[in-house]
């Protein structure tokens, strides 16, 4: 599995986990079901961890792709390393959405008592 496939897999899992976490949060809040809210909290925490790992990995690859001072790797096409593409704004958005779901779950559990 190449680096680009791993990055795409993490991005796809973020897109799958966020709606599931939001749906379980809304269902648990409307029905007052604590077990469903625990699942929603776990999914939100998993989404936050994956989004943070995605953003950190993207930042590390950006730093690795940066040419060294005084060195021009872009002149020779064979010297350029093929790093995977990362979409950092999507990772930040997923991180904020996961945090929003987590806050919603905590508020719903607090209202249940």
Protein backbone atom coordinates (compact mmCIF):
# COMPACT_ATOMS: atom_id res chain seq x y z
CA UNK A 1 0.00 0.00 0.00
CA UNK A 2 1.53 3.30 -1.08
CA UNK A 3 1.65 6.47 0.98
CA UNK A 4 -1.01 8.08 -1.19
CA UNK A 5 -3.36 5.14 -0.65
CA UNK A 6 -2.89 5.41 3.13
CA UNK A 7 -3.59 9.16 3.04
CA UNK A 8 -6.72 8.56 0.95
CA UNK A 9 -7.87 5.80 3.31
CA UNK A 10 -7.58 8.09 6.34
CA UNK A 11 -9.42 10.85 4.48
CA UNK A 12 -12.19 8.46 3.44
CA UNK A 13 -12.54 7.15 7.00
CA UNK A 14 -12.93 10.73 8.23
CA UNK A 15 -15.74 11.29 5.73
CA UNK A 16 -17.43 8.08 6.88
CA UNK A 17 -16.98 8.52 10.65
CA UNK A 18 -18.25 12.10 10.90
CA UNK A 19 -21.82 11.49 9.67
CA UNK A 20 -22.07 8.30 11.73
CA UNK A 21 -20.90 10.14 14.86
CA UNK A 22 -23.32 12.99 14.19
CA UNK A 23 -26.21 10.58 13.60
CA UNK A 24 -25.53 8.60 16.76
CA UNK A 25 -25.22 11.82 18.75
CA UNK A 26 -28.58 13.08 17.49
CA UNK A 27 -30.27 9.71 18.01
CA UNK A 28 -28.85 9.33 21.52
CA UNK A 29 -29.82 12.86 22.44
CA UNK A 30 -33.38 12.54 21.18
CA UNK A 31 -33.98 9.13 22.80
CA UNK A 32 -31.97 9.75 25.97
CA UNK A 33 -29.90 6.62 25.39
CA UNK A 34 -26.58 6.74 27.24
CA UNK A 35 -25.06 3.77 25.40
CA UNK A 36 -25.57 5.44 22.03
CA UNK A 37 -24.04 8.63 23.40
CA UNK A 38 -20.99 6.62 24.52
CA UNK A 39 -20.63 5.30 20.97
CA UNK A 40 -20.97 8.83 19.59
CA UNK A 41 -18.30 10.06 22.01
CA UNK A 42 -15.96 7.25 20.96
CA UNK A 43 -16.50 7.98 17.26
CA UNK A 44 -15.92 11.69 17.82
CA UNK A 45 -12.66 11.00 19.69
CA UNK A 46 -11.55 8.60 16.93
CA UNK A 47 -12.34 11.25 14.31
CA UNK A 48 -10.33 13.86 16.22
CA UNK A 49 -7.35 11.49 16.50
CA UNK A 50 -7.47 10.59 12.78
CA UNK A 51 -7.84 14.24 11.73
CA UNK A 52 -4.90 15.26 13.92
CA UNK A 53 -2.74 12.43 12.54
CA UNK A 54 -3.74 13.38 8.98
CA UNK A 55 -2.80 17.04 9.52
CA UNK A 56 0.47 16.24 11.28
CA UNK A 57 1.47 13.76 8.55
CA UNK A 58 0.62 16.33 5.88
CA UNK A 59 2.68 18.99 7.65
CA UNK A 60 5.63 16.61 7.98
CA UNK A 61 5.48 15.77 4.27
CA UNK A 62 5.34 19.50 3.45
CA UNK A 63 8.43 20.06 5.56
CA UNK A 64 10.22 17.13 3.92
CA UNK A 65 9.34 18.38 0.45
CA UNK A 66 10.73 21.83 1.22
CA UNK A 67 14.13 22.29 -0.44
CA UNK A 68 17.15 22.77 1.78
CA UNK A 69 18.68 26.26 1.90
CA UNK A 70 21.04 26.74 -1.01
CA UNK A 71 19.85 23.58 -2.73
CA UNK A 72 17.52 23.57 -5.72
CA UNK A 73 15.95 20.11 -6.05
CA UNK A 74 13.29 21.36 -8.46
CA UNK A 75 15.82 21.91 -11.26
CA UNK A 76 16.42 18.18 -11.71
CA UNK A 77 13.11 16.28 -12.08
CA UNK A 78 14.70 13.04 -10.92
CA UNK A 79 15.68 14.68 -7.60
CA UNK A 80 12.06 15.48 -6.70
CA UNK A 81 10.59 12.88 -4.35
CA UNK A 82 6.99 11.89 -5.04
CA UNK A 83 5.21 12.66 -1.78
CA UNK A 84 1.49 11.98 -1.34
CA UNK A 85 -1.03 14.78 -1.69
CA UNK A 86 -2.65 16.00 1.50
CA UNK A 87 -5.62 18.33 1.74
CA UNK A 88 -4.88 20.08 5.03
CA UNK A 89 -8.02 22.28 5.15
CA UNK A 90 -10.16 19.13 5.01
CA UNK A 91 -8.23 17.69 7.96
CA UNK A 92 -8.71 20.89 9.95
CA UNK A 93 -12.40 20.93 9.07
CA UNK A 94 -12.78 17.31 10.17
CA UNK A 95 -10.96 18.13 13.41
CA UNK A 96 -13.33 21.01 14.13
CA UNK A 97 -16.39 18.95 13.18
CA UNK A 98 -15.24 16.10 15.43
CA UNK A 99 -14.73 18.57 18.26
CA UNK A 100 -18.23 19.95 17.66
CA UNK A 101 -19.74 16.46 17.82
CA UNK A 102 -17.79 15.75 21.01
CA UNK A 103 -19.07 18.98 22.60
CA UNK A 104 -22.62 18.06 21.56
CA UNK A 105 -22.27 14.61 23.14
CA UNK A 106 -20.92 16.05 26.38
CA UNK A 107 -23.77 18.57 26.53
CA UNK A 108 -26.35 15.85 25.82
CA UNK A 109 -24.92 13.60 28.56
CA UNK A 110 -24.90 16.54 30.96
CA UNK A 111 -28.58 17.22 30.24
CA UNK A 112 -29.45 13.58 30.87
CA UNK A 113 -27.81 13.79 34.26
